Amino acid sequence: MQATIINYRRSRKTTYNNQMIIKAKGMDTREKAEKLIGKKVVYNTGKKEITGKISAVHGNKGALRALFETGMPGQAIGRKIEIG
């Protein structure tokens, strides 16, 4: 399943470099998105793959919070990732 990285998880003063907000195709409600919690996600940089896991739902419109193993590059925002 394809998803798009929307942004880092952040607050007013803190940015969490290894946590990203993602939006999966076809997920438009919180109930649909809850079914994906615990699934693996993979971001391919071209040289290596950065893996992570979906940890929670973010908001009520189907966005998800993914926790990655390392900090993600800023170029990742707006790119596609694979949920599997």
Protein backbone atom coordinates (compact mmCIF):
# COMPACT_ATOMS: atom_id res chain seq x y z
CA MET A 1 0.00 0.00 0.00
CA GLN A 2 1.29 3.47 -0.86
CA ALA A 3 1.41 6.41 1.53
CA THR A 4 2.78 9.95 1.41
CA ILE A 5 4.92 11.60 4.09
CA ILE A 6 3.22 14.84 5.15
CA ASN A 7 5.54 16.27 7.81
CA TYR A 8 7.57 15.59 10.92
CA ARG A 9 5.72 15.10 14.18
CA ARG A 10 6.33 18.37 15.96
CA SER A 11 5.22 20.82 18.57
CA ARG A 12 5.76 24.53 18.80
CA LYS A 13 9.41 24.30 19.80
CA THR A 14 10.40 20.67 19.22
CA THR A 15 10.69 18.61 16.03
CA TYR A 16 10.90 14.81 16.34
CA ASN A 17 13.23 13.76 13.51
CA ASN A 18 12.40 10.07 13.67
CA GLN A 19 8.60 10.46 13.79
CA MET A 20 6.65 11.32 10.65
CA ILE A 21 3.00 12.02 9.89
CA ILE A 22 1.88 9.99 6.87
CA LYS A 23 -1.31 9.81 4.82
CA ALA A 24 -2.25 6.45 3.29
CA LYS A 25 -4.36 6.10 0.15
CA GLY A 26 -8.02 5.39 0.85
CA MET A 27 -7.80 6.21 4.55
CA ASP A 28 -10.15 9.10 5.24
CA THR A 29 -11.48 8.25 8.71
CA ARG A 30 -9.91 7.41 12.03
CA GLU A 31 -11.60 3.98 12.12
CA LYS A 32 -10.11 2.91 8.77
CA ALA A 33 -6.65 4.15 9.75
CA GLU A 34 -6.65 2.26 13.07
CA LYS A 35 -6.44 -1.03 11.13
CA LEU A 36 -2.91 -0.13 9.96
CA ILE A 37 -1.38 0.35 13.43
CA GLY A 38 1.58 -2.01 13.90
CA LYS A 39 2.38 -2.41 10.19
CA LYS A 40 5.90 -1.87 8.85
CA VAL A 41 6.78 1.10 6.63
CA VAL A 42 9.79 1.44 4.32
CA TYR A 43 11.29 4.63 2.89
CA ASN A 44 13.81 4.10 0.09
CA THR A 45 16.48 6.83 -0.22
CA GLY A 46 18.06 5.30 -3.30
CA LYS A 47 21.11 4.07 -1.39
CA LYS A 48 19.43 2.43 1.58
CA GLU A 49 16.04 1.67 3.05
CA ILE A 50 14.89 3.23 6.31
CA THR A 51 12.31 1.09 8.09
CA GLY A 52 9.77 2.03 10.68
CA LYS A 53 6.46 1.09 12.23
CA ILE A 54 3.05 2.76 12.36
CA SER A 55 2.50 3.64 16.01
CA ALA A 56 -0.74 5.63 16.21
CA VAL A 57 -3.46 7.53 14.41
CA HIS A 58 -2.96 11.29 14.08
CA GLY A 59 -6.21 13.25 14.11
CA ASN A 60 -9.62 12.24 12.79
CA LYS A 61 -9.04 12.34 9.02
CA GLY A 62 -6.98 9.17 8.61
CA ALA A 63 -3.42 10.44 9.06
CA LEU A 64 -0.97 8.09 10.78
CA ARG A 65 2.11 8.53 12.95
CA ALA A 66 5.12 6.42 11.94
CA LEU A 67 8.14 5.87 14.18
CA PHE A 68 11.36 5.28 12.18
CA GLU A 69 14.64 3.73 13.33
CA THR A 70 16.74 6.83 12.58
CA GLY A 71 16.16 10.49 11.88
CA MET A 72 14.54 11.14 8.52
CA PRO A 73 15.98 13.59 5.98
CA GLY A 74 14.02 16.71 5.13
CA GLN A 75 13.88 15.61 1.49
CA ALA A 76 11.51 12.81 2.57
CA ILE A 77 8.58 15.21 3.04
CA GLY A 78 6.16 14.81 0.14
CA ARG A 79 7.67 11.50 -1.04
CA LYS A 80 6.01 8.09 -1.27
CA ILE A 81 6.63 5.25 1.18
CA GLU A 82 5.51 1.63 1.18
CA ILE A 83 3.30 0.10 3.90
CA GLY A 84 3.58 -3.64 4.10
